[in-house]
Protein backbone atom coordinates (compact mmCIF):
# COMPACT_ATOMS: atom_id res chain seq x y z
CA UNK A 1 94.85 110.30 110.73
CA UNK A 2 97.69 108.93 113.04
CA UNK A 3 95.29 108.86 116.07
CA UNK A 4 92.96 106.78 114.01
CA UNK A 5 95.71 104.32 113.09
CA UNK A 6 96.91 104.13 116.73
CA UNK A 7 93.33 103.54 117.90
CA UNK A 8 92.93 100.62 115.39
CA UNK A 9 96.18 99.12 116.35
CA UNK A 10 94.95 99.22 120.12
CA UNK A 11 91.52 97.58 119.10
CA UNK A 12 93.09 94.79 117.18
CA UNK A 13 96.61 94.14 118.33
CA UNK A 14 96.82 90.44 117.05
CA UNK A 15 95.76 91.65 113.47
CA UNK A 16 98.23 94.59 113.51
CA UNK A 17 100.96 92.27 114.54
CA UNK A 18 100.15 89.79 111.69
CA UNK A 19 100.01 92.46 109.01
CA UNK A 20 103.27 94.04 110.30
CA UNK A 21 105.05 90.68 110.19
CA UNK A 22 103.59 90.01 106.91
CA UNK A 23 105.14 93.17 105.27
CA UNK A 24 108.46 92.32 106.99
CA UNK A 25 108.38 88.78 105.57
CA UNK A 26 107.46 89.90 102.10
CA UNK A 27 110.27 92.56 102.04
CA UNK A 28 112.82 89.84 103.14
CA UNK A 29 111.51 87.42 100.61
CA UNK A 30 111.83 90.13 97.86
CA UNK A 31 115.39 91.05 98.99
CA UNK A 32 116.32 87.47 99.21
CA UNK A 33 115.09 86.67 95.81
CA UNK A 34 116.96 89.61 94.37
CA UNK A 35 120.19 88.59 96.17
CA UNK A 36 119.85 85.02 94.96
CA UNK A 37 119.33 86.12 91.39
CA UNK A 38 122.21 88.30 91.39
CA UNK A 39 124.36 85.58 92.57
CA UNK A 40 123.63 83.50 89.41
CA UNK A 41 122.11 80.13 88.99
CA UNK A 42 122.23 77.75 91.95
CA UNK A 43 125.25 75.46 92.08
CA UNK A 44 125.43 72.22 94.14
CA UNK A 45 122.51 71.83 96.50
CA UNK A 46 121.43 75.53 96.24
CA UNK A 47 120.68 75.88 100.02
CA UNK A 48 119.83 79.58 99.63
CA UNK A 49 117.03 78.77 97.28
CA UNK A 50 115.72 76.00 99.42
CA UNK A 51 115.45 78.35 102.34
CA UNK A 52 113.78 80.98 100.35
CA UNK A 53 111.18 78.55 99.06
CA UNK A 54 110.65 77.11 102.56
CA UNK A 55 110.10 80.60 104.14
CA UNK A 56 107.68 81.40 101.27
CA UNK A 57 105.88 78.11 101.61
CA UNK A 58 105.43 78.57 105.39
CA UNK A 59 104.28 82.22 104.80
CA UNK A 60 101.57 81.02 102.48
CA UNK A 61 100.54 78.11 104.67
CA UNK A 62 100.24 80.33 107.68
CA UNK A 63 97.88 82.75 105.84
CA UNK A 64 95.88 80.10 104.08
CA UNK A 65 95.44 77.55 107.13
CA UNK A 66 96.45 79.10 110.50
CA UNK A 67 94.82 82.66 110.13
CA UNK A 68 91.51 81.32 109.05
CA UNK A 69 91.54 78.78 111.96
CA UNK A 70 92.36 81.60 114.42
CA UNK A 71 89.46 83.76 113.11
CA UNK A 72 86.94 80.86 113.23
CA UNK A 73 88.03 80.13 116.89
CA UNK A 74 88.04 83.96 117.74
CA UNK A 75 84.63 84.74 116.17
CA UNK A 76 83.06 81.55 117.60
CA UNK A 77 83.66 82.86 121.16
CA UNK A 78 82.09 86.09 120.56
């Protein structure tokens, strides 16, 4: 089982890196949301919430725009 996973990681290193980075970003967004919710409603400018929303929006744009463009470029060269 582990050998199969290692083989897949070596076969598709970019995809593996993207998936691992996605898991890390999702975990950080979850922890950040919990931390901001536990601190109460935003006061003033709400910089923490703006950062959290910015990171989340960037993450969504990455997967909906950049990854499909990369796949189109990658598969067109095959």
